[in-house]
Amino acid sequence: GQESTSVLLVWTMILLSRHQNWQQRAREEVLQVFGNHK
């Protein structure tokens, strides 16, 4: 779990930085579902 998950997270951040429209959509969805809650 450790190495594979940390690599997956890094790669996800790279892809989101390359495709910022999807980054914005993902952020809006998270805020819509959770707002300021845990």
ModelCIF file with pLDDT and N, C-alpha, C, O atoms, coordinates in Angstrom:
data_MODEL
#
_entry.id   MODEL 
#
_entity.id                         1 
_entity.type                       polymer 
_entity.pdbx_number_of_molecules   1 
#
_entity_poly.entity_id                      1 
_entity_poly.type                           'polypeptide(L)' 
_entity_poly.nstd_linkage                   no 
_entity_poly.nstd_monomer                   no 
_entity_poly.pdbx_seq_one_letter_code       GQESTSVLLVWTMILLSRHQNWQQRAREEVLQVFGNHK 
_entity_poly.pdbx_seq_one_letter_code_can   GQESTSVLLVWTMILLSRHQNWQQRAREEVLQVFGNHK 
_entity_poly.pdbx_strand_id                 A 
#
loop_
_entity_poly_seq.entity_id 
_entity_poly_seq.num 
_entity_poly_seq.mon_id 
_entity_poly_seq.hetero 
1 1  GLY n 
1 2  GLN n 
1 3  GLU n 
1 4  SER n 
1 5  THR n 
1 6  SER n 
1 7  VAL n 
1 8  LEU n 
1 9  LEU n 
1 10 VAL n 
1 11 TRP n 
1 12 THR n 
1 13 MET n 
1 14 ILE n 
1 15 LEU n 
1 16 LEU n 
1 17 SER n 
1 18 ARG n 
1 19 HIS n 
1 20 GLN n 
1 21 ASN n 
1 22 TRP n 
1 23 GLN n 
1 24 GLN n 
1 25 ARG n 
1 26 ALA n 
1 27 ARG n 
1 28 GLU n 
1 29 GLU n 
1 30 VAL n 
1 31 LEU n 
1 32 GLN n 
1 33 VAL n 
1 34 PHE n 
1 35 GLY n 
1 36 ASN n 
1 37 HIS n 
1 38 LYS n 
#
_struct_asym.id          A 
_struct_asym.entity_id   1 
#
loop_
_ma_qa_metric.id 
_ma_qa_metric.mode 
_ma_qa_metric.name 
_ma_qa_metric.software_group_id 
_ma_qa_metric.type 
1 global pLDDT . pLDDT 
2 local  pLDDT . pLDDT 
#
_ma_qa_metric_global.metric_id      1 
_ma_qa_metric_global.metric_value   86.18 
_ma_qa_metric_global.model_id       1 
_ma_qa_metric_global.ordinal_id     1 
#
loop_
_ma_qa_metric_local.label_asym_id 
_ma_qa_metric_local.label_comp_id 
_ma_qa_metric_local.label_seq_id 
_ma_qa_metric_local.metric_id 
_ma_qa_metric_local.metric_value 
_ma_qa_metric_local.model_id 
_ma_qa_metric_local.ordinal_id 
A GLY 1  2 74.00 1 1  
A GLN 2  2 74.00 1 2  
A GLU 3  2 76.00 1 3  
A SER 4  2 80.00 1 4  
A THR 5  2 85.00 1 5  
A SER 6  2 86.00 1 6  
A VAL 7  2 86.00 1 7  
A LEU 8  2 86.00 1 8  
A LEU 9  2 89.00 1 9  
A VAL 10 2 87.00 1 10 
A TRP 11 2 85.00 1 11 
A THR 12 2 86.00 1 12 
A MET 13 2 87.00 1 13 
A ILE 14 2 84.00 1 14 
A LEU 15 2 83.00 1 15 
A LEU 16 2 85.00 1 16 
A SER 17 2 85.00 1 17 
A ARG 18 2 84.00 1 18 
A HIS 19 2 85.00 1 19 
A GLN 20 2 88.00 1 20 
A ASN 21 2 89.00 1 21 
A TRP 22 2 87.00 1 22 
A GLN 23 2 88.00 1 23 
A GLN 24 2 90.00 1 24 
A ARG 25 2 89.00 1 25 
A ALA 26 2 88.00 1 26 
A ARG 27 2 90.00 1 27 
A GLU 28 2 91.00 1 28 
A GLU 29 2 90.00 1 29 
A VAL 30 2 89.00 1 30 
A LEU 31 2 91.00 1 31 
A GLN 32 2 91.00 1 32 
A VAL 33 2 91.00 1 33 
A PHE 34 2 90.00 1 34 
A GLY 35 2 88.00 1 35 
A ASN 36 2 84.00 1 36 
A HIS 37 2 87.00 1 37 
A LYS 38 2 87.00 1 38 
#
loop_
_atom_site.group_PDB 
_atom_site.id 
_atom_site.type_symbol 
_atom_site.label_atom_id 
_atom_site.label_alt_id 
_atom_site.label_comp_id 
_atom_site.label_asym_id 
_atom_site.label_entity_id 
_atom_site.label_seq_id 
_atom_site.pdbx_PDB_ins_code 
_atom_site.Cartn_x 
_atom_site.Cartn_y 
_atom_site.Cartn_z 
_atom_site.occupancy 
_atom_site.B_iso_or_equiv 
_atom_site.pdbx_formal_charge 
_atom_site.auth_seq_id 
_atom_site.auth_comp_id 
_atom_site.auth_asym_id 
_atom_site.auth_atom_id 
_atom_site.pdbx_PDB_model_num 
ATOM 1   N N  . GLY A 1 1  ? 0.760   -1.233 0.000   1.00 74.00 ? 1  GLY A N  1 
ATOM 2   C CA . GLY A 1 1  ? 0.000   0.000  0.000   1.00 74.00 ? 1  GLY A CA 1 
ATOM 3   C C  . GLY A 1 1  ? 0.792   1.285  0.000   1.00 74.00 ? 1  GLY A C  1 
ATOM 4   O O  . GLY A 1 1  ? 0.352   2.275  -0.585  1.00 74.00 ? 1  GLY A O  1 
ATOM 5   N N  . GLN A 1 2  ? 1.958   1.301  0.645   1.00 74.00 ? 2  GLN A N  1 
ATOM 6   C CA . GLN A 1 2  ? 2.629   2.576  0.878   1.00 74.00 ? 2  GLN A CA 1 
ATOM 7   C C  . GLN A 1 2  ? 3.158   3.208  -0.398  1.00 74.00 ? 2  GLN A C  1 
ATOM 8   O O  . GLN A 1 2  ? 2.712   4.286  -0.790  1.00 74.00 ? 2  GLN A O  1 
ATOM 9   N N  . GLU A 1 3  ? 4.106   2.542  -1.050  1.00 76.00 ? 3  GLU A N  1 
ATOM 10  C CA . GLU A 1 3  ? 4.757   3.129  -2.224  1.00 76.00 ? 3  GLU A CA 1 
ATOM 11  C C  . GLU A 1 3  ? 3.788   3.300  -3.380  1.00 76.00 ? 3  GLU A C  1 
ATOM 12  O O  . GLU A 1 3  ? 3.787   4.331  -4.053  1.00 76.00 ? 3  GLU A O  1 
ATOM 13  N N  . SER A 1 4  ? 2.955   2.277  -3.609  1.00 80.00 ? 4  SER A N  1 
ATOM 14  C CA . SER A 1 4  ? 2.024   2.342  -4.741  1.00 80.00 ? 4  SER A CA 1 
ATOM 15  C C  . SER A 1 4  ? 1.024   3.484  -4.573  1.00 80.00 ? 4  SER A C  1 
ATOM 16  O O  . SER A 1 4  ? 0.688   4.163  -5.542  1.00 80.00 ? 4  SER A O  1 
ATOM 17  N N  . THR A 1 5  ? 0.545   3.697  -3.338  1.00 85.00 ? 5  THR A N  1 
ATOM 18  C CA . THR A 1 5  ? -0.446  4.750  -3.103  1.00 85.00 ? 5  THR A CA 1 
ATOM 19  C C  . THR A 1 5  ? 0.171   6.135  -3.202  1.00 85.00 ? 5  THR A C  1 
ATOM 20  O O  . THR A 1 5  ? -0.437  7.040  -3.775  1.00 85.00 ? 5  THR A O  1 
ATOM 21  N N  . SER A 1 6  ? 1.368   6.320  -2.655  1.00 86.00 ? 6  SER A N  1 
ATOM 22  C CA . SER A 1 6  ? 2.018   7.633  -2.733  1.00 86.00 ? 6  SER A CA 1 
ATOM 23  C C  . SER A 1 6  ? 2.346   7.994  -4.182  1.00 86.00 ? 6  SER A C  1 
ATOM 24  O O  . SER A 1 6  ? 2.222   9.155  -4.572  1.00 86.00 ? 6  SER A O  1 
ATOM 25  N N  . VAL A 1 7  ? 2.762   7.010  -4.982  1.00 86.00 ? 7  VAL A N  1 
ATOM 26  C CA . VAL A 1 7  ? 3.027   7.255  -6.403  1.00 86.00 ? 7  VAL A CA 1 
ATOM 27  C C  . VAL A 1 7  ? 1.729   7.612  -7.128  1.00 86.00 ? 7  VAL A C  1 
ATOM 28  O O  . VAL A 1 7  ? 1.707   8.510  -7.969  1.00 86.00 ? 7  VAL A O  1 
ATOM 29  N N  . LEU A 1 8  ? 0.649   6.900  -6.794  1.00 86.00 ? 8  LEU A N  1 
ATOM 30  C CA . LEU A 1 8  ? -0.652  7.186  -7.407  1.00 86.00 ? 8  LEU A CA 1 
ATOM 31  C C  . LEU A 1 8  ? -1.098  8.615  -7.104  1.00 86.00 ? 8  LEU A C  1 
ATOM 32  O O  . LEU A 1 8  ? -1.627  9.299  -7.979  1.00 86.00 ? 8  LEU A O  1 
ATOM 33  N N  . LEU A 1 9  ? -0.886  9.067  -5.867  1.00 89.00 ? 9  LEU A N  1 
ATOM 34  C CA . LEU A 1 9  ? -1.270  10.429 -5.479  1.00 89.00 ? 9  LEU A CA 1 
ATOM 35  C C  . LEU A 1 9  ? -0.456  11.477 -6.230  1.00 89.00 ? 9  LEU A C  1 
ATOM 36  O O  . LEU A 1 9  ? -0.998  12.485 -6.683  1.00 89.00 ? 9  LEU A O  1 
ATOM 37  N N  . VAL A 1 10 ? 0.845   11.237 -6.361  1.00 87.00 ? 10 VAL A N  1 
ATOM 38  C CA . VAL A 1 10 ? 1.696   12.167 -7.111  1.00 87.00 ? 10 VAL A CA 1 
ATOM 39  C C  . VAL A 1 10 ? 1.233   12.248 -8.561  1.00 87.00 ? 10 VAL A C  1 
ATOM 40  O O  . VAL A 1 10 ? 1.105   13.335 -9.123  1.00 87.00 ? 10 VAL A O  1 
ATOM 41  N N  . TRP A 1 11 ? 0.985   11.089 -9.155  1.00 85.00 ? 11 TRP A N  1 
ATOM 42  C CA . TRP A 1 11 ? 0.573   11.056 -10.556 1.00 85.00 ? 11 TRP A CA 1 
ATOM 43  C C  . TRP A 1 11 ? -0.781  11.741 -10.741 1.00 85.00 ? 11 TRP A C  1 
ATOM 44  O O  . TRP A 1 11 ? -1.006  12.415 -11.746 1.00 85.00 ? 11 TRP A O  1 
ATOM 45  N N  . THR A 1 12 ? -1.683  11.567 -9.770  1.00 86.00 ? 12 THR A N  1 
ATOM 46  C CA . THR A 1 12 ? -2.982  12.240 -9.825  1.00 86.00 ? 12 THR A CA 1 
ATOM 47  C C  . THR A 1 12 ? -2.809  13.756 -9.798  1.00 86.00 ? 12 THR A C  1 
ATOM 48  O O  . THR A 1 12 ? -3.486  14.474 -10.534 1.00 86.00 ? 12 THR A O  1 
ATOM 49  N N  . MET A 1 13 ? -1.906  14.240 -8.953  1.00 87.00 ? 13 MET A N  1 
ATOM 50  C CA . MET A 1 13 ? -1.661  15.679 -8.870  1.00 87.00 ? 13 MET A CA 1 
ATOM 51  C C  . MET A 1 13 ? -1.055  16.213 -10.171 1.00 87.00 ? 13 MET A C  1 
ATOM 52  O O  . MET A 1 13 ? -1.369  17.323 -10.601 1.00 87.00 ? 13 MET A O  1 
ATOM 53  N N  . ILE A 1 14 ? -0.199  15.428 -10.781 1.00 84.00 ? 14 ILE A N  1 
ATOM 54  C CA . ILE A 1 14 ? 0.399   15.833 -12.063 1.00 84.00 ? 14 ILE A CA 1 
ATOM 55  C C  . ILE A 1 14 ? -0.681  15.957 -13.138 1.00 84.00 ? 14 ILE A C  1 
ATOM 56  O O  . ILE A 1 14 ? -0.724  16.939 -13.880 1.00 84.00 ? 14 ILE A O  1 
ATOM 57  N N  . LEU A 1 15 ? -1.550  14.948 -13.209 1.00 83.00 ? 15 LEU A N  1 
ATOM 58  C CA . LEU A 1 15 ? -2.611  14.967 -14.221 1.00 83.00 ? 15 LEU A CA 1 
ATOM 59  C C  . LEU A 1 15 ? -3.578  16.124 -13.986 1.00 83.00 ? 15 LEU A C  1 
ATOM 60  O O  . LEU A 1 15 ? -4.022  16.764 -14.939 1.00 83.00 ? 15 LEU A O  1 
ATOM 61  N N  . LEU A 1 16 ? -3.907  16.395 -12.726 1.00 85.00 ? 16 LEU A N  1 
ATOM 62  C CA . LEU A 1 16 ? -4.813  17.500 -12.429 1.00 85.00 ? 16 LEU A CA 1 
ATOM 63  C C  . LEU A 1 16 ? -4.179  18.851 -12.768 1.00 85.00 ? 16 LEU A C  1 
ATOM 64  O O  . LEU A 1 16 ? -4.867  19.782 -13.187 1.00 85.00 ? 16 LEU A O  1 
ATOM 65  N N  . SER A 1 17 ? -2.847  18.944 -12.579 1.00 85.00 ? 17 SER A N  1 
ATOM 66  C CA . SER A 1 17 ? -2.171  20.203 -12.928 1.00 85.00 ? 17 SER A CA 1 
ATOM 67  C C  . SER A 1 17 ? -2.099  20.398 -14.446 1.00 85.00 ? 17 SER A C  1 
ATOM 68  O O  . SER A 1 17 ? -2.072  21.528 -14.933 1.00 85.00 ? 17 SER A O  1 
ATOM 69  N N  . ARG A 1 18 ? -2.068  19.286 -15.186 1.00 84.00 ? 18 ARG A N  1 
ATOM 70  C CA . ARG A 1 18 ? -2.032  19.366 -16.645 1.00 84.00 ? 18 ARG A CA 1 
ATOM 71  C C  . ARG A 1 18 ? -3.414  19.623 -17.228 1.00 84.00 ? 18 ARG A C  1 
ATOM 72  O O  . ARG A 1 18 ? -3.542  20.215 -18.300 1.00 84.00 ? 18 ARG A O  1 
ATOM 73  N N  . HIS A 1 19 ? -4.443  19.179 -16.524 1.00 85.00 ? 19 HIS A N  1 
ATOM 74  C CA . HIS A 1 19 ? -5.819  19.332 -17.009 1.00 85.00 ? 19 HIS A CA 1 
ATOM 75  C C  . HIS A 1 19 ? -6.607  20.097 -15.947 1.00 85.00 ? 19 HIS A C  1 
ATOM 76  O O  . HIS A 1 19 ? -7.379  19.520 -15.180 1.00 85.00 ? 19 HIS A O  1 
ATOM 77  N N  . GLN A 1 20 ? -6.389  21.405 -15.925 1.00 88.00 ? 20 GLN A N  1 
ATOM 78  C CA . GLN A 1 20 ? -6.930  22.211 -14.839 1.00 88.00 ? 20 GLN A CA 1 
ATOM 79  C C  . GLN A 1 20 ? -8.439  22.359 -14.894 1.00 88.00 ? 20 GLN A C  1 
ATOM 80  O O  . GLN A 1 20 ? -9.063  22.706 -13.891 1.00 88.00 ? 20 GLN A O  1 
ATOM 81  N N  . ASN A 1 21 ? -9.030  22.104 -16.042 1.00 89.00 ? 21 ASN A N  1 
ATOM 82  C CA . ASN A 1 21 ? -10.492 22.134 -16.109 1.00 89.00 ? 21 ASN A CA 1 
ATOM 83  C C  . ASN A 1 21 ? -11.083 20.996 -15.265 1.00 89.00 ? 21 ASN A C  1 
ATOM 84  O O  . ASN A 1 21 ? -12.099 21.178 -14.594 1.00 89.00 ? 21 ASN A O  1 
ATOM 85  N N  . TRP A 1 22 ? -10.447 19.834 -15.305 1.00 87.00 ? 22 TRP A N  1 
ATOM 86  C CA . TRP A 1 22 ? -10.892 18.705 -14.480 1.00 87.00 ? 22 TRP A CA 1 
ATOM 87  C C  . TRP A 1 22 ? -10.582 18.959 -13.002 1.00 87.00 ? 22 TRP A C  1 
ATOM 88  O O  . TRP A 1 22 ? -11.321 18.525 -12.118 1.00 87.00 ? 22 TRP A O  1 
ATOM 89  N N  . GLN A 1 23 ? -9.478  19.669 -12.750 1.00 88.00 ? 23 GLN A N  1 
ATOM 90  C CA . GLN A 1 23 ? -9.140  20.028 -11.370 1.00 88.00 ? 23 GLN A CA 1 
ATOM 91  C C  . GLN A 1 23 ? -10.243 20.900 -10.772 1.00 88.00 ? 23 GLN A C  1 
ATOM 92  O O  . GLN A 1 23 ? -10.668 20.699 -9.635  1.00 88.00 ? 23 GLN A O  1 
ATOM 93  N N  . GLN A 1 24 ? -10.694 21.869 -11.563 1.00 90.00 ? 24 GLN A N  1 
ATOM 94  C CA . GLN A 1 24 ? -11.743 22.774 -11.102 1.00 90.00 ? 24 GLN A CA 1 
ATOM 95  C C  . GLN A 1 24 ? -13.055 22.033 -10.889 1.00 90.00 ? 24 GLN A C  1 
ATOM 96  O O  . GLN A 1 24 ? -13.754 22.285 -9.907  1.00 90.00 ? 24 GLN A O  1 
ATOM 97  N N  . ARG A 1 25 ? -13.398 21.121 -11.795 1.00 89.00 ? 25 ARG A N  1 
ATOM 98  C CA . ARG A 1 25 ? -14.640 20.352 -11.675 1.00 89.00 ? 25 ARG A CA 1 
ATOM 99  C C  . ARG A 1 25 ? -14.619 19.456 -10.440 1.00 89.00 ? 25 ARG A C  1 
ATOM 100 O O  . ARG A 1 25 ? -15.621 19.324 -9.736  1.00 89.00 ? 25 ARG A O  1 
ATOM 101 N N  . ALA A 1 26 ? -13.446 18.834 -10.185 1.00 88.00 ? 26 ALA A N  1 
ATOM 102 C CA . ALA A 1 26 ? -13.312 17.971 -9.015  1.00 88.00 ? 26 ALA A CA 1 
ATOM 103 C C  . ALA A 1 26 ? -13.452 18.783 -7.728  1.00 88.00 ? 26 ALA A C  1 
ATOM 104 O O  . ALA A 1 26 ? -14.102 18.341 -6.781  1.00 88.00 ? 26 ALA A O  1 
ATOM 105 N N  . ARG A 1 27 ? -12.835 19.986 -7.693  1.00 90.00 ? 27 ARG A N  1 
ATOM 106 C CA . ARG A 1 27 ? -12.910 20.843 -6.506  1.00 90.00 ? 27 ARG A CA 1 
ATOM 107 C C  . ARG A 1 27 ? -14.358 21.264 -6.247  1.00 90.00 ? 27 ARG A C  1 
ATOM 108 O O  . ARG A 1 27 ? -14.823 21.236 -5.108  1.00 90.00 ? 27 ARG A O  1 
ATOM 109 N N  . GLU A 1 28 ? -15.063 21.652 -7.304  1.00 91.00 ? 28 GLU A N  1 
ATOM 110 C CA . GLU A 1 28 ? -16.453 22.078 -7.152  1.00 91.00 ? 28 GLU A CA 1 
ATOM 111 C C  . GLU A 1 28 ? -17.326 20.931 -6.639  1.00 91.00 ? 28 GLU A C  1 
ATOM 112 O O  . GLU A 1 28 ? -18.214 21.144 -5.813  1.00 91.00 ? 28 GLU A O  1 
ATOM 113 N N  . GLU A 1 29 ? -17.074 19.728 -7.126  1.00 90.00 ? 29 GLU A N  1 
ATOM 114 C CA . GLU A 1 29 ? -17.862 18.574 -6.687  1.00 90.00 ? 29 GLU A CA 1 
ATOM 115 C C  . GLU A 1 29 ? -17.642 18.293 -5.206  1.00 90.00 ? 29 GLU A C  1 
ATOM 116 O O  . GLU A 1 29 ? -18.598 18.038 -4.474  1.00 90.00 ? 29 GLU A O  1 
ATOM 117 N N  . VAL A 1 30 ? -16.383 18.338 -4.760  1.00 89.00 ? 30 VAL A N  1 
ATOM 118 C CA . VAL A 1 30 ? -16.058 18.079 -3.349  1.00 89.00 ? 30 VAL A CA 1 
ATOM 119 C C  . VAL A 1 30 ? -16.734 19.119 -2.459  1.00 89.00 ? 30 VAL A C  1 
ATOM 120 O O  . VAL A 1 30 ? -17.300 18.774 -1.422  1.00 89.00 ? 30 VAL A O  1 
ATOM 121 N N  . LEU A 1 31 ? -16.679 20.389 -2.857  1.00 91.00 ? 31 LEU A N  1 
ATOM 122 C CA . LEU A 1 31 ? -17.304 21.452 -2.070  1.00 91.00 ? 31 LEU A CA 1 
ATOM 123 C C  . LEU A 1 31 ? -18.824 21.305 -2.053  1.00 91.00 ? 31 LEU A C  1 
ATOM 124 O O  . LEU A 1 31 ? -19.473 21.605 -1.051  1.00 91.00 ? 31 LEU A O  1 
ATOM 125 N N  . GLN A 1 32 ? -19.382 20.844 -3.163  1.00 91.00 ? 32 GLN A N  1 
ATOM 126 C CA . GLN A 1 32 ? -20.831 20.659 -3.241  1.00 91.00 ? 32 GLN A CA 1 
ATOM 127 C C  . GLN A 1 32 ? -21.291 19.529 -2.312  1.00 91.00 ? 32 GLN A C  1 
ATOM 128 O O  . GLN A 1 32 ? -22.322 19.646 -1.650  1.00 91.00 ? 32 GLN A O  1 
ATOM 129 N N  . VAL A 1 33 ? -20.525 18.443 -2.267  1.00 91.00 ? 33 VAL A N  1 
ATOM 130 C CA . VAL A 1 33 ? -20.919 17.279 -1.470  1.00 91.00 ? 33 VAL A CA 1 
ATOM 131 C C  . VAL A 1 33 ? -20.645 17.498 0.015   1.00 91.00 ? 33 VAL A C  1 
ATOM 132 O O  . VAL A 1 33 ? -21.480 17.152 0.852   1.00 91.00 ? 33 VAL A O  1 
ATOM 133 N N  . PHE A 1 34 ? -19.486 18.066 0.356   1.00 90.00 ? 34 PHE A N  1 
ATOM 134 C CA . PHE A 1 34 ? -19.091 18.159 1.759   1.00 90.00 ? 34 PHE A CA 1 
ATOM 135 C C  . PHE A 1 34 ? -19.164 19.575 2.335   1.00 90.00 ? 34 PHE A C  1 
ATOM 136 O O  . PHE A 1 34 ? -19.335 19.741 3.543   1.00 90.00 ? 34 PHE A O  1 
ATOM 137 N N  . GLY A 1 35 ? -19.036 20.596 1.481   1.00 88.00 ? 35 GLY A N  1 
ATOM 138 C CA . GLY A 1 35 ? -18.994 21.950 2.009   1.00 88.00 ? 35 GLY A CA 1 
ATOM 139 C C  . GLY A 1 35 ? -17.798 22.119 2.923   1.00 88.00 ? 35 GLY A C  1 
ATOM 140 O O  . GLY A 1 35 ? -16.667 21.826 2.536   1.00 88.00 ? 35 GLY A O  1 
ATOM 141 N N  . ASN A 1 36 ? -18.047 22.597 4.145   1.00 84.00 ? 36 ASN A N  1 
ATOM 142 C CA . ASN A 1 36 ? -16.971 22.751 5.129   1.00 84.00 ? 36 ASN A CA 1 
ATOM 143 C C  . ASN A 1 36 ? -16.953 21.622 6.160   1.00 84.00 ? 36 ASN A C  1 
ATOM 144 O O  . ASN A 1 36 ? -16.294 21.727 7.194   1.00 84.00 ? 36 ASN A O  1 
ATOM 145 N N  . HIS A 1 37 ? -17.679 20.549 5.870   1.00 87.00 ? 37 HIS A N  1 
ATOM 146 C CA . HIS A 1 37 ? -17.765 19.434 6.817   1.00 87.00 ? 37 HIS A CA 1 
ATOM 147 C C  . HIS A 1 37 ? -16.668 18.390 6.541   1.00 87.00 ? 37 HIS A C  1 
ATOM 148 O O  . HIS A 1 37 ? -16.057 18.368 5.473   1.00 87.00 ? 37 HIS A O  1 
ATOM 149 N N  . LYS A 1 38 ? -16.447 17.541 7.531   1.00 87.00 ? 38 LYS A N  1 
ATOM 150 C CA . LYS A 1 38 ? -15.463 16.470 7.373   1.00 87.00 ? 38 LYS A CA 1 
ATOM 151 C C  . LYS A 1 38 ? -15.965 15.440 6.354   1.00 87.00 ? 38 LYS A C  1 
ATOM 152 O O  . LYS A 1 38 ? -15.277 14.457 6.080   1.00 87.00 ? 38 LYS A O  1 
#
